[in-house]
Amino acid sequence: MSESENKPENKPANKPGNEPGDEPASDTSKAPWQDGLRFAFGTLTVFPVTVSRWDREAARAGMLCAPVAGLAVGLCAAATGGLFLLLGAGALLTAVVTAAIPAVLTRGLHLDGLADTADGLGSGRPAEDALRIMKQSDIGPFGVITLLFVLLAQVAALSQAYGSSWARGMFAAVVSATAARLALTLAARAGVPPARPEGLGAAVAGTVPVRAALITAAVVTGAGALFGAYDGTYGIVRGAIAVLAACAAAELLLRHCVRRFGGVTGDVFGGLAETAATISLVVLALG
């Protein structure tokens, strides 16, 4: 299962038994963005953050802050990649290490969600049976094959980017991780129903107003274009296209999952993140 299906391990800061929708046990006078950052980092990363609120308002703010958590993950991946280059590693080894950092910083739960989603979609079963397959702890053949090709695509794209220049490789690492979490913001928008009544997927589904989700997407796209300016006009265009292509691919998968499962789950969120990350890496490696 993906991290979106699990409540954060540091949730005990709340009163026992708090669930989304319950009254928060923490001080509600804190600024919403503070709660959002705690929620985003506490549920989407392994960074030591205490989630002090566990209600729909915190979930809304958290999903809007998800790209910030992605930016932090991407910077860690880029910094590690840069360090390996300085130590004399080649493009391929640096790409492997760069691709591994986001998995480590999310406990591999995005990848697990991708595998479970692939098993559910590949089963061809009705929604109820497909959701049951996705909840099983083992990974089926569809999941294994999907993980294999996705990880190969990520490593190959990063290797090509690093082979072009260290700056392009590090830029790709940052943009892909941020775009991956932007896909979660868009998937949590109003009108997208949960497939199950429980789990963190249900907690965040439909919490983000459509306008706020679009504004967040515009900001992240603009940031991708701005940071791509290191490579001139071509870099600006490529940075923006990478984010937009990632969102488009994630949206296609989201709609398919909603049709097949009746809504989203934490596993679907994980699958969307990995899909967006992979597509953005491929776009940034081209040209």
Protein backbone atom coordinates (compact mmCIF):
# COMPACT_ATOMS: atom_id res chain seq x y z
CA MET A 1 0.00 0.00 0.00
CA SER A 2 1.07 3.58 -0.54
CA GLU A 3 1.72 6.11 2.18
CA SER A 4 -1.57 7.72 1.31
CA GLU A 5 -3.31 4.61 2.58
CA ASN A 6 -1.55 4.65 5.94
CA LYS A 7 -1.94 7.15 8.70
CA PRO A 8 1.35 8.73 9.70
CA GLU A 9 3.39 6.82 12.25
CA ASN A 10 3.70 9.96 14.35
CA LYS A 11 -0.06 10.38 14.61
CA PRO A 12 -0.11 9.52 18.35
CA ALA A 13 0.31 13.25 18.95
CA ASN A 14 -3.48 13.28 18.61
CA LYS A 15 -5.89 11.78 21.08
CA PRO A 16 -6.28 8.03 20.63
CA GLY A 17 -8.91 7.15 18.08
CA ASN A 18 -8.96 10.47 16.24
CA GLU A 19 -10.11 9.98 12.68
CA PRO A 20 -10.57 12.39 9.80
CA GLY A 21 -13.58 14.52 10.56
CA ASP A 22 -13.16 14.29 14.36
CA GLU A 23 -12.40 17.41 16.35
CA PRO A 24 -8.63 17.94 16.35
CA ALA A 25 -6.88 17.39 19.64
CA SER A 26 -4.30 20.06 18.92
CA ASP A 27 -4.40 23.83 19.10
CA THR A 28 -6.58 24.93 16.22
CA SER A 29 -5.31 28.50 16.44
CA LYS A 30 -2.22 27.59 14.42
CA ALA A 31 -2.03 28.95 10.91
CA PRO A 32 -3.50 26.52 8.34
CA TRP A 33 -0.27 26.44 6.34
CA GLN A 34 1.62 25.21 9.39
CA ASP A 35 -0.85 22.36 9.82
CA GLY A 36 -0.67 21.71 6.09
CA LEU A 37 3.10 21.45 6.06
CA ARG A 38 3.04 19.10 9.04
CA PHE A 39 0.37 16.97 7.38
CA ALA A 40 2.19 16.89 4.03
CA PHE A 41 5.61 16.04 5.45
CA GLY A 42 4.19 13.68 8.08
CA THR A 43 2.21 11.60 5.60
CA LEU A 44 4.29 11.87 2.43
CA THR A 45 7.85 11.63 3.76
CA VAL A 46 9.93 10.08 6.52
CA PHE A 47 11.06 13.46 7.80
CA PRO A 48 10.55 13.68 11.59
CA VAL A 49 7.41 15.78 11.70
CA THR A 50 4.60 15.48 14.23
CA VAL A 51 1.14 15.66 12.68
CA SER A 52 -0.81 17.62 15.26
CA ARG A 53 -4.13 17.76 13.39
CA TRP A 54 -5.97 14.98 11.62
CA ASP A 55 -9.14 16.55 10.23
CA ARG A 56 -10.41 17.50 6.81
CA GLU A 57 -9.12 21.06 7.07
CA ALA A 58 -5.62 19.83 7.83
CA ALA A 59 -5.89 17.31 4.99
CA ARG A 60 -6.90 20.08 2.58
CA ALA A 61 -3.96 22.23 3.59
CA GLY A 62 -1.68 19.21 3.52
CA MET A 63 -2.57 18.29 -0.04
CA LEU A 64 -2.03 21.88 -1.13
CA CYS A 65 1.41 21.73 0.51
CA ALA A 66 2.25 18.35 -1.05
CA PRO A 67 4.48 19.90 -3.77
CA VAL A 68 6.56 21.52 -1.02
CA ALA A 69 7.22 18.08 0.45
CA GLY A 70 8.08 16.92 -3.06
CA LEU A 71 10.50 19.80 -3.46
CA ALA A 72 12.29 18.75 -0.28
CA VAL A 73 12.53 15.16 -1.49
CA GLY A 74 13.78 16.31 -4.88
CA LEU A 75 16.44 18.55 -3.37
CA CYS A 76 17.70 15.64 -1.28
CA ALA A 77 17.84 13.43 -4.38
CA ALA A 78 19.61 16.11 -6.41
CA ALA A 79 22.13 16.82 -3.64
CA THR A 80 22.93 13.12 -3.34
CA GLY A 81 23.34 12.84 -7.09
CA GLY A 82 25.63 15.84 -7.14
CA LEU A 83 27.73 14.36 -4.35
CA PHE A 84 28.17 11.10 -6.24
CA LEU A 85 29.24 13.02 -9.34
CA LEU A 86 31.82 14.88 -7.28
CA LEU A 87 33.10 11.54 -5.97
CA GLY A 88 33.65 10.38 -9.54
CA ALA A 89 30.56 8.23 -10.13
CA GLY A 90 29.33 7.82 -13.69
CA ALA A 91 25.96 8.90 -15.02
CA LEU A 92 24.34 5.48 -14.60
CA LEU A 93 25.37 4.94 -10.98
CA THR A 94 24.38 8.51 -10.13
CA ALA A 95 21.00 7.94 -11.76
CA VAL A 96 20.41 4.79 -9.70
CA VAL A 97 21.24 6.60 -6.47
CA THR A 98 19.10 9.60 -7.41
CA ALA A 99 16.12 7.38 -8.18
CA ALA A 100 16.59 5.51 -4.90
CA ILE A 101 16.45 8.59 -2.66
CA PRO A 102 12.72 9.37 -3.19
CA ALA A 103 11.92 5.71 -2.51
CA VAL A 104 13.90 5.83 0.73
CA LEU A 105 12.35 9.12 1.82
CA THR A 106 8.83 7.73 1.30
CA ARG A 107 9.53 4.22 2.65
CA GLY A 108 8.94 2.92 -0.87
CA LEU A 109 5.21 3.39 -0.39
CA HIS A 110 4.64 5.26 -3.65
CA LEU A 111 6.16 2.34 -5.51
CA ASP A 112 4.11 -0.11 -3.50
CA GLY A 113 0.97 1.85 -4.32
CA LEU A 114 1.89 1.79 -8.00
CA ALA A 115 2.31 -1.98 -7.90
CA ASP A 116 -1.00 -2.52 -6.10
CA THR A 117 -2.81 -0.23 -8.53
CA ALA A 118 -1.35 -2.13 -11.47
CA ASP A 119 -2.51 -5.42 -9.94
CA GLY A 120 -5.99 -4.03 -9.42
CA LEU A 121 -6.28 -2.65 -12.92
CA GLY A 122 -4.68 -5.66 -14.52
CA SER A 123 -6.95 -8.13 -12.78
CA GLY A 124 -9.91 -7.16 -14.93
CA ARG A 125 -12.17 -7.89 -11.94
CA PRO A 126 -15.16 -5.82 -10.81
CA ALA A 127 -14.37 -2.89 -8.56
CA GLU A 128 -14.98 -4.70 -5.27
CA ASP A 129 -12.75 -7.63 -6.20
CA ALA A 130 -10.08 -5.35 -7.65
CA LEU A 131 -9.96 -3.32 -4.41
CA ARG A 132 -9.63 -6.54 -2.44
CA ILE A 133 -6.67 -7.57 -4.61
CA MET A 134 -5.06 -4.20 -4.04
CA LYS A 135 -5.29 -4.60 -0.26
CA GLN A 136 -3.42 -7.90 -0.27
CA SER A 137 0.15 -7.71 1.01
CA ASP A 138 1.73 -9.56 -1.88
CA ILE A 139 2.54 -8.12 -5.31
CA GLY A 140 1.19 -9.87 -8.38
CA PRO A 141 2.67 -10.17 -11.88
CA PHE A 142 1.14 -6.92 -13.13
CA GLY A 143 2.66 -5.06 -10.22
CA VAL A 144 6.10 -6.61 -10.70
CA ILE A 145 6.17 -5.83 -14.42
CA THR A 146 4.98 -2.27 -13.86
CA LEU A 147 7.60 -1.63 -11.17
CA LEU A 148 10.31 -3.05 -13.39
CA PHE A 149 9.56 -0.83 -16.36
CA VAL A 150 8.86 2.29 -14.31
CA LEU A 151 12.14 2.02 -12.40
CA LEU A 152 14.04 1.25 -15.60
CA ALA A 153 12.49 4.30 -17.26
CA GLN A 154 13.36 6.53 -14.30
CA VAL A 155 16.97 5.36 -14.12
CA ALA A 156 17.42 5.53 -17.90
CA ALA A 157 15.97 9.05 -18.08
CA LEU A 158 18.11 10.28 -15.18
CA SER A 159 21.19 8.65 -16.66
CA GLN A 160 20.61 10.42 -19.95
CA ALA A 161 20.02 13.71 -18.15
CA TYR A 162 23.21 13.36 -16.09
CA GLY A 163 25.06 12.31 -19.21
CA SER A 164 24.08 15.60 -20.80
CA SER A 165 25.13 17.71 -17.81
CA TRP A 166 25.16 17.56 -14.03
CA ALA A 167 22.77 20.53 -13.93
CA ARG A 168 20.18 18.82 -16.12
CA GLY A 169 20.29 15.67 -14.00
CA MET A 170 19.86 17.55 -10.74
CA PHE A 171 17.13 19.71 -12.25
CA ALA A 172 15.29 16.58 -13.40
CA ALA A 173 15.48 15.10 -9.90
CA VAL A 174 13.92 18.20 -8.32
CA VAL A 175 11.21 18.74 -10.93
CA SER A 176 10.12 15.09 -11.05
CA ALA A 177 9.72 14.82 -7.27
CA THR A 178 7.77 18.07 -7.10
CA ALA A 179 5.54 17.18 -10.04
CA ALA A 180 4.85 13.79 -8.46
CA ARG A 181 3.37 15.45 -5.36
CA LEU A 182 1.52 18.01 -7.46
CA ALA A 183 -0.32 15.05 -8.97
CA LEU A 184 -1.56 14.24 -5.46
CA THR A 185 -2.86 17.78 -5.01
CA LEU A 186 -4.83 17.55 -8.24
CA ALA A 187 -6.13 14.06 -7.40
CA ALA A 188 -7.44 15.31 -4.03
CA ARG A 189 -9.60 17.97 -5.67
CA ALA A 190 -13.30 18.29 -5.07
CA GLY A 191 -15.40 15.93 -7.16
CA VAL A 192 -12.99 12.98 -7.00
CA PRO A 193 -14.61 10.41 -4.69
CA PRO A 194 -12.88 7.85 -2.47
CA ALA A 195 -13.21 4.19 -3.44
CA ARG A 196 -13.28 3.11 0.20
CA PRO A 197 -14.75 4.78 3.28
CA GLU A 198 -11.56 4.26 5.28
CA GLY A 199 -7.86 4.98 4.93
CA LEU A 200 -5.92 8.14 4.23
CA GLY A 201 -7.05 8.01 0.62
CA ALA A 202 -10.58 8.63 1.86
CA ALA A 203 -9.32 11.26 4.29
CA VAL A 204 -7.86 13.47 1.57
CA ALA A 205 -10.17 12.69 -1.35
CA GLY A 206 -12.24 15.69 -2.40
CA THR A 207 -10.67 18.05 0.15
CA VAL A 208 -8.97 20.50 -2.22
CA PRO A 209 -11.12 23.12 -4.01
CA VAL A 210 -10.69 22.90 -7.77
CA ARG A 211 -9.56 26.51 -8.06
CA ALA A 212 -6.93 26.05 -5.36
CA ALA A 213 -5.66 22.90 -7.07
CA LEU A 214 -5.35 24.71 -10.40
CA ILE A 215 -3.57 27.65 -8.80
CA THR A 216 -1.11 25.26 -7.16
CA ALA A 217 -0.54 23.58 -10.51
CA ALA A 218 0.09 26.94 -12.15
CA VAL A 219 2.60 27.90 -9.45
CA VAL A 220 4.51 24.62 -9.74
CA THR A 221 4.51 24.85 -13.54
CA GLY A 222 5.81 28.40 -13.34
CA ALA A 223 8.51 27.33 -10.89
CA GLY A 224 9.55 24.52 -13.21
CA ALA A 225 9.87 27.00 -16.05
CA LEU A 226 11.74 29.50 -13.87
CA PHE A 227 14.33 27.02 -12.66
CA GLY A 228 14.69 25.71 -16.20
CA ALA A 229 16.05 29.12 -17.15
CA TYR A 230 19.54 27.82 -16.33
CA ASP A 231 19.38 26.22 -19.79
CA GLY A 232 18.00 29.27 -21.56
CA THR A 233 14.69 29.53 -23.36
CA TYR A 234 14.70 25.84 -24.20
CA GLY A 235 15.08 24.98 -20.53
CA ILE A 236 12.18 27.24 -19.59
CA VAL A 237 9.88 25.56 -22.09
CA ARG A 238 11.06 22.07 -21.19
CA GLY A 239 10.59 22.68 -17.47
CA ALA A 240 7.00 23.79 -17.96
CA ILE A 241 6.20 20.98 -20.39
CA ALA A 242 7.63 18.40 -17.99
CA VAL A 243 5.24 19.47 -15.23
CA LEU A 244 2.25 19.73 -17.57
CA ALA A 245 2.95 16.34 -19.16
CA ALA A 246 3.29 14.77 -15.72
CA CYS A 247 -0.07 16.20 -14.65
CA ALA A 248 -1.74 15.09 -17.90
CA ALA A 249 -0.49 11.51 -17.54
CA ALA A 250 -1.55 11.38 -13.89
CA GLU A 251 -4.97 12.76 -14.81
CA LEU A 252 -5.50 10.04 -17.40
CA LEU A 253 -4.61 7.37 -14.86
CA LEU A 254 -6.80 9.03 -12.23
CA ARG A 255 -9.84 9.03 -14.49
CA HIS A 256 -9.28 5.42 -15.42
CA CYS A 257 -8.99 4.42 -11.77
CA VAL A 258 -12.15 6.32 -10.85
CA ARG A 259 -14.01 4.49 -13.60
CA ARG A 260 -12.64 1.09 -12.59
CA PHE A 261 -12.68 1.40 -8.80
CA GLY A 262 -15.38 3.98 -8.24
CA GLY A 263 -12.90 6.43 -6.72
CA VAL A 264 -9.38 6.79 -5.37
CA THR A 265 -7.44 4.95 -2.69
CA GLY A 266 -4.06 5.48 -1.10
CA ASP A 267 -2.63 3.00 -3.58
CA VAL A 268 -3.98 5.06 -6.46
CA PHE A 269 -2.35 8.17 -5.02
CA GLY A 270 0.97 6.32 -4.94
CA GLY A 271 0.51 5.18 -8.52
CA LEU A 272 -0.29 8.72 -9.65
CA ALA A 273 2.86 10.07 -8.01
CA GLU A 274 5.15 7.52 -9.65
CA THR A 275 3.46 8.00 -13.03
CA ALA A 276 3.91 11.77 -12.86
CA ALA A 277 7.54 11.44 -11.75
CA THR A 278 8.37 9.05 -14.58
CA ILE A 279 6.73 11.13 -17.31
CA SER A 280 8.45 14.31 -16.17
CA LEU A 281 11.82 12.56 -16.15
CA VAL A 282 11.30 11.25 -19.66
CA VAL A 283 10.37 14.71 -20.93
CA LEU A 284 13.39 16.31 -19.27
CA ALA A 285 15.73 13.65 -20.68
CA LEU A 286 14.62 14.26 -24.26
CA GLY A 287 16.18 16.84 -26.55
